[in-house]
Amino acid sequence: QVRLVESGGGLVQAGGSLRLSCACSGLTFSIYIMNWFRQAPGKEREFVASISWNGGRTNYADSVKGRFTISRDNAKNTVYLQMNSLKMEDTAVYYCKASNTWGQGTQVTVSS
């Protein structure tokens, strides 16, 4: 059974940083493109970032380019999202995704 578990969310002031983690089990982690998405209240879920199987290629939504960094550790079956210079509009539930499987999400709240 594939399981994705996000952690690291919380409350942070604007301009601050958070690092999200997504621990994966039940899959051959190292062959999957890993993705982060987010969903703000009243909005549709949107793409944030993705990373290739070996970390050699990354993609970001325009709204987070230059502020967020996705990375992975295949030895730990974990993908990360380092979020810097956070803005209030980054407030959302953040989800990781592998193939068609989603984690349960972790809440990120950015205050003024």
N, C-alpha and C. Protein backbone atom coordinates (compact mmCIF):
# COMPACT_ATOMS: atom_id res chain seq x y z
N GLN A 1 0.84 -1.19 0.00
CA GLN A 1 0.00 0.00 0.00
C GLN A 1 0.88 1.24 0.00
N VAL A 2 0.64 2.11 -0.98
CA VAL A 2 1.41 3.34 -1.08
C VAL A 2 0.93 4.34 -0.03
N ARG A 3 1.89 4.96 0.66
CA ARG A 3 1.53 5.92 1.69
C ARG A 3 2.49 7.10 1.62
N LEU A 4 1.90 8.31 1.59
CA LEU A 4 2.67 9.55 1.60
C LEU A 4 2.26 10.34 2.82
N VAL A 5 3.23 10.76 3.62
CA VAL A 5 2.94 11.46 4.86
C VAL A 5 3.72 12.77 4.89
N GLU A 6 2.98 13.88 4.81
CA GLU A 6 3.60 15.20 4.87
C GLU A 6 3.77 15.66 6.31
N SER A 7 4.77 16.49 6.53
CA SER A 7 4.99 17.10 7.83
C SER A 7 5.75 18.40 7.63
N GLY A 8 5.81 19.18 8.71
CA GLY A 8 6.60 20.41 8.68
C GLY A 8 5.80 21.69 8.52
N GLY A 9 4.50 21.56 8.34
CA GLY A 9 3.68 22.77 8.23
C GLY A 9 3.57 23.47 9.56
N GLY A 10 2.97 24.65 9.53
CA GLY A 10 2.77 25.41 10.75
C GLY A 10 2.44 26.85 10.46
N LEU A 11 2.54 27.65 11.51
CA LEU A 11 2.25 29.08 11.42
C LEU A 11 3.58 29.84 11.39
N VAL A 12 3.72 30.73 10.43
CA VAL A 12 4.95 31.49 10.29
C VAL A 12 4.61 32.91 9.85
N GLN A 13 5.43 33.86 10.23
CA GLN A 13 5.20 35.24 9.82
C GLN A 13 5.67 35.44 8.37
N ALA A 14 5.06 36.40 7.73
CA ALA A 14 5.48 36.74 6.37
C ALA A 14 6.98 37.05 6.36
N GLY A 15 7.64 36.52 5.33
CA GLY A 15 9.08 36.67 5.23
C GLY A 15 9.86 35.52 5.84
N GLY A 16 9.17 34.68 6.57
CA GLY A 16 9.82 33.55 7.22
C GLY A 16 9.98 32.35 6.32
N SER A 17 10.43 31.25 6.92
CA SER A 17 10.71 30.03 6.16
C SER A 17 10.12 28.81 6.85
N LEU A 18 9.82 27.82 6.05
CA LEU A 18 9.40 26.50 6.54
C LEU A 18 9.98 25.45 5.60
N ARG A 19 10.19 24.27 6.14
CA ARG A 19 10.63 23.14 5.31
C ARG A 19 9.64 22.00 5.48
N LEU A 20 8.99 21.66 4.40
CA LEU A 20 8.06 20.54 4.40
C LEU A 20 8.77 19.26 4.01
N SER A 21 8.30 18.16 4.58
CA SER A 21 8.82 16.84 4.22
C SER A 21 7.66 15.95 3.82
N CYS A 22 7.95 15.00 2.97
CA CYS A 22 6.95 13.99 2.58
C CYS A 22 7.65 12.64 2.57
N ALA A 23 7.32 11.83 3.55
CA ALA A 23 7.91 10.49 3.67
C ALA A 23 7.03 9.49 2.93
N CYS A 24 7.65 8.67 2.10
CA CYS A 24 6.91 7.76 1.24
C CYS A 24 7.23 6.31 1.56
N SER A 25 6.22 5.47 1.46
CA SER A 25 6.40 4.04 1.65
C SER A 25 5.48 3.28 0.72
N GLY A 26 5.83 2.02 0.47
CA GLY A 26 4.98 1.18 -0.36
C GLY A 26 5.17 1.37 -1.86
N LEU A 27 6.22 2.08 -2.23
CA LEU A 27 6.51 2.28 -3.65
C LEU A 27 8.02 2.34 -3.85
N THR A 28 8.42 2.12 -5.11
CA THR A 28 9.84 2.27 -5.44
C THR A 28 10.09 3.75 -5.65
N PHE A 29 10.36 4.42 -4.57
CA PHE A 29 10.40 5.89 -4.53
C PHE A 29 11.32 6.46 -5.60
N SER A 30 12.46 5.83 -5.79
CA SER A 30 13.50 6.42 -6.62
C SER A 30 13.15 6.50 -8.10
N ILE A 31 12.07 5.87 -8.54
CA ILE A 31 11.73 5.93 -9.96
C ILE A 31 10.63 6.94 -10.26
N TYR A 32 10.07 7.54 -9.20
CA TYR A 32 8.92 8.42 -9.40
C TYR A 32 9.30 9.89 -9.45
N ILE A 33 8.65 10.61 -10.37
CA ILE A 33 8.63 12.06 -10.28
C ILE A 33 7.77 12.40 -9.05
N MET A 34 8.27 13.30 -8.23
CA MET A 34 7.55 13.70 -7.04
C MET A 34 7.06 15.14 -7.20
N ASN A 35 5.89 15.38 -6.67
CA ASN A 35 5.24 16.68 -6.85
C ASN A 35 4.75 17.25 -5.53
N TRP A 36 4.73 18.56 -5.45
CA TRP A 36 4.04 19.28 -4.39
C TRP A 36 2.93 20.11 -5.03
N PHE A 37 1.76 20.05 -4.38
CA PHE A 37 0.62 20.86 -4.76
C PHE A 37 0.15 21.61 -3.51
N ARG A 38 -0.71 22.57 -3.70
CA ARG A 38 -1.32 23.25 -2.56
C ARG A 38 -2.74 23.65 -2.89
N GLN A 39 -3.52 23.80 -1.82
CA GLN A 39 -4.90 24.23 -1.99
C GLN A 39 -5.25 25.24 -0.91
N ALA A 40 -5.54 26.45 -1.35
CA ALA A 40 -5.94 27.51 -0.44
C ALA A 40 -7.45 27.46 -0.25
N PRO A 41 -7.96 28.01 0.84
CA PRO A 41 -9.41 28.00 1.08
C PRO A 41 -10.18 28.61 -0.07
N GLY A 42 -11.17 27.88 -0.56
CA GLY A 42 -12.02 28.40 -1.62
C GLY A 42 -11.41 28.36 -3.00
N LYS A 43 -10.22 27.76 -3.11
CA LYS A 43 -9.55 27.71 -4.41
C LYS A 43 -9.28 26.27 -4.81
N GLU A 44 -8.99 26.09 -6.09
CA GLU A 44 -8.66 24.75 -6.58
C GLU A 44 -7.22 24.40 -6.19
N ARG A 45 -6.98 23.11 -6.14
CA ARG A 45 -5.63 22.64 -5.87
C ARG A 45 -4.73 23.03 -7.05
N GLU A 46 -3.52 23.53 -6.73
CA GLU A 46 -2.63 23.98 -7.78
C GLU A 46 -1.25 23.39 -7.62
N PHE A 47 -0.58 23.25 -8.76
CA PHE A 47 0.79 22.74 -8.80
C PHE A 47 1.74 23.74 -8.17
N VAL A 48 2.70 23.21 -7.41
CA VAL A 48 3.73 24.06 -6.80
C VAL A 48 5.10 23.73 -7.38
N ALA A 49 5.49 22.45 -7.33
CA ALA A 49 6.82 22.08 -7.77
C ALA A 49 6.88 20.58 -8.05
N SER A 50 7.83 20.20 -8.90
CA SER A 50 8.08 18.78 -9.16
C SER A 50 9.57 18.54 -9.29
N ILE A 51 9.96 17.28 -9.11
CA ILE A 51 11.36 16.91 -9.19
C ILE A 51 11.47 15.53 -9.85
N SER A 52 12.42 15.39 -10.74
CA SER A 52 12.62 14.13 -11.45
C SER A 52 13.17 13.06 -10.51
N TRP A 53 13.25 11.85 -11.02
CA TRP A 53 13.60 10.70 -10.18
C TRP A 53 14.96 10.85 -9.50
N ASN A 54 15.89 11.50 -10.21
CA ASN A 54 17.23 11.64 -9.63
C ASN A 54 17.53 13.06 -9.17
N GLY A 55 16.52 13.90 -9.19
CA GLY A 55 16.71 15.27 -8.75
C GLY A 55 17.34 16.18 -9.78
N GLY A 56 17.58 15.66 -10.97
CA GLY A 56 18.28 16.44 -11.97
C GLY A 56 17.43 17.49 -12.66
N ARG A 57 16.13 17.35 -12.54
CA ARG A 57 15.24 18.32 -13.19
C ARG A 57 14.15 18.73 -12.21
N THR A 58 13.95 20.02 -12.10
CA THR A 58 12.90 20.55 -11.23
C THR A 58 12.05 21.54 -12.01
N ASN A 59 10.81 21.66 -11.60
CA ASN A 59 9.90 22.64 -12.19
C ASN A 59 9.14 23.33 -11.07
N TYR A 60 8.83 24.60 -11.29
CA TYR A 60 8.14 25.38 -10.26
C TYR A 60 7.02 26.21 -10.89
N ALA A 61 6.00 26.41 -10.10
CA ALA A 61 4.99 27.39 -10.48
C ALA A 61 5.63 28.78 -10.46
N ASP A 62 5.17 29.63 -11.34
CA ASP A 62 5.75 30.99 -11.40
C ASP A 62 5.64 31.70 -10.06
N SER A 63 4.58 31.42 -9.33
CA SER A 63 4.34 32.13 -8.08
C SER A 63 5.35 31.81 -6.98
N VAL A 64 6.09 30.72 -7.14
CA VAL A 64 7.03 30.33 -6.09
C VAL A 64 8.48 30.30 -6.56
N LYS A 65 8.71 30.53 -7.84
CA LYS A 65 10.07 30.50 -8.38
C LYS A 65 10.95 31.49 -7.64
N GLY A 66 12.14 31.02 -7.28
CA GLY A 66 13.10 31.87 -6.59
C GLY A 66 12.91 31.90 -5.08
N ARG A 67 11.79 31.35 -4.59
CA ARG A 67 11.53 31.34 -3.16
C ARG A 67 11.47 29.92 -2.59
N PHE A 68 10.96 28.99 -3.38
CA PHE A 68 10.81 27.60 -2.95
C PHE A 68 11.83 26.72 -3.67
N THR A 69 12.27 25.69 -2.96
CA THR A 69 13.19 24.71 -3.54
C THR A 69 12.73 23.31 -3.21
N ILE A 70 12.55 22.49 -4.24
CA ILE A 70 12.19 21.09 -4.04
C ILE A 70 13.45 20.25 -4.12
N SER A 71 13.52 19.25 -3.27
CA SER A 71 14.66 18.32 -3.28
C SER A 71 14.18 16.96 -2.83
N ARG A 72 15.06 15.97 -2.97
CA ARG A 72 14.68 14.62 -2.57
C ARG A 72 15.89 13.86 -2.08
N ASP A 73 15.61 12.89 -1.22
CA ASP A 73 16.64 11.99 -0.72
C ASP A 73 16.13 10.57 -0.99
N ASN A 74 16.62 9.95 -2.02
CA ASN A 74 16.12 8.63 -2.39
C ASN A 74 16.49 7.56 -1.37
N ALA A 75 17.55 7.79 -0.62
CA ALA A 75 17.93 6.84 0.42
C ALA A 75 16.93 6.86 1.57
N LYS A 76 16.25 7.99 1.74
CA LYS A 76 15.28 8.14 2.84
C LYS A 76 13.84 8.11 2.34
N ASN A 77 13.65 7.91 1.04
CA ASN A 77 12.30 7.90 0.45
C ASN A 77 11.51 9.16 0.84
N THR A 78 12.19 10.28 0.78
CA THR A 78 11.58 11.53 1.25
C THR A 78 11.82 12.65 0.23
N VAL A 79 10.79 13.45 0.04
CA VAL A 79 10.89 14.66 -0.77
C VAL A 79 10.64 15.86 0.13
N TYR A 80 11.33 16.95 -0.18
CA TYR A 80 11.27 18.14 0.66
C TYR A 80 10.82 19.35 -0.16
N LEU A 81 10.29 20.33 0.56
CA LEU A 81 9.99 21.62 -0.05
C LEU A 81 10.45 22.70 0.92
N GLN A 82 11.56 23.35 0.57
CA GLN A 82 12.06 24.47 1.36
C GLN A 82 11.38 25.73 0.87
N MET A 83 10.71 26.40 1.79
CA MET A 83 9.94 27.58 1.43
C MET A 83 10.51 28.78 2.16
N ASN A 84 11.02 29.72 1.40
CA ASN A 84 11.60 30.94 1.96
C ASN A 84 10.79 32.16 1.53
N SER A 85 11.01 33.26 2.20
CA SER A 85 10.33 34.52 1.87
C SER A 85 8.82 34.30 1.72
N LEU A 86 8.26 33.62 2.69
CA LEU A 86 6.84 33.27 2.60
C LEU A 86 5.96 34.51 2.61
N LYS A 87 4.87 34.40 1.84
CA LYS A 87 3.89 35.47 1.73
C LYS A 87 2.55 34.96 2.24
N MET A 88 1.67 35.90 2.57
CA MET A 88 0.35 35.50 3.06
C MET A 88 -0.37 34.65 2.02
N GLU A 89 -0.15 34.93 0.76
CA GLU A 89 -0.82 34.16 -0.29
C GLU A 89 -0.28 32.73 -0.44
N ASP A 90 0.76 32.38 0.31
CA ASP A 90 1.24 31.01 0.32
C ASP A 90 0.45 30.15 1.31
N THR A 91 -0.43 30.77 2.08
CA THR A 91 -1.26 30.03 3.02
C THR A 91 -2.12 29.01 2.29
N ALA A 92 -2.00 27.75 2.68
CA ALA A 92 -2.70 26.66 2.00
C ALA A 92 -2.40 25.35 2.71
N VAL A 93 -3.13 24.32 2.32
CA VAL A 93 -2.74 22.96 2.67
C VAL A 93 -1.83 22.45 1.55
N TYR A 94 -0.69 21.95 1.94
CA TYR A 94 0.30 21.47 0.98
C TYR A 94 0.28 19.95 0.93
N TYR A 95 0.25 19.43 -0.30
CA TYR A 95 0.16 18.00 -0.52
C TYR A 95 1.34 17.52 -1.37
N CYS A 96 1.84 16.34 -1.08
CA CYS A 96 2.76 15.73 -2.02
C CYS A 96 2.01 14.65 -2.80
N LYS A 97 2.55 14.36 -3.96
CA LYS A 97 1.88 13.44 -4.88
C LYS A 97 2.92 12.61 -5.62
N ALA A 98 2.65 11.32 -5.69
CA ALA A 98 3.47 10.40 -6.48
C ALA A 98 2.51 9.58 -7.34
N SER A 99 2.70 9.67 -8.65
CA SER A 99 1.78 9.01 -9.59
C SER A 99 0.37 9.49 -9.28
N ASN A 100 -0.55 8.60 -8.91
CA ASN A 100 -1.92 9.00 -8.61
C ASN A 100 -2.23 9.00 -7.13
N THR A 101 -1.20 8.96 -6.30
CA THR A 101 -1.39 8.89 -4.86
C THR A 101 -1.05 10.22 -4.21
N TRP A 102 -1.95 10.65 -3.31
CA TRP A 102 -1.78 11.91 -2.59
C TRP A 102 -1.55 11.63 -1.10
N GLY A 103 -0.79 12.53 -0.47
CA GLY A 103 -0.72 12.51 0.97
C GLY A 103 -1.94 13.18 1.57
N GLN A 104 -1.97 13.27 2.89
CA GLN A 104 -3.12 13.85 3.59
C GLN A 104 -3.02 15.37 3.71
N GLY A 105 -1.84 15.89 3.45
CA GLY A 105 -1.64 17.34 3.47
C GLY A 105 -1.13 17.85 4.80
N THR A 106 -0.47 19.00 4.73
CA THR A 106 -0.01 19.70 5.93
C THR A 106 -0.32 21.18 5.77
N GLN A 107 -0.85 21.78 6.82
CA GLN A 107 -1.31 23.17 6.76
C GLN A 107 -0.14 24.13 6.92
N VAL A 108 -0.07 25.10 6.03
CA VAL A 108 0.88 26.20 6.14
C VAL A 108 0.08 27.49 6.23
N THR A 109 0.32 28.24 7.29
CA THR A 109 -0.37 29.51 7.49
C THR A 109 0.67 30.61 7.65
N VAL A 110 0.58 31.61 6.81
CA VAL A 110 1.50 32.73 6.84
C VAL A 110 0.74 33.96 7.33
N SER A 111 1.23 34.54 8.41
CA SER A 111 0.55 35.70 9.00
C SER A 111 1.32 36.97 8.68
N SER A 112 0.62 38.08 8.82
CA SER A 112 1.25 39.38 8.51
C SER A 112 2.07 39.87 9.68
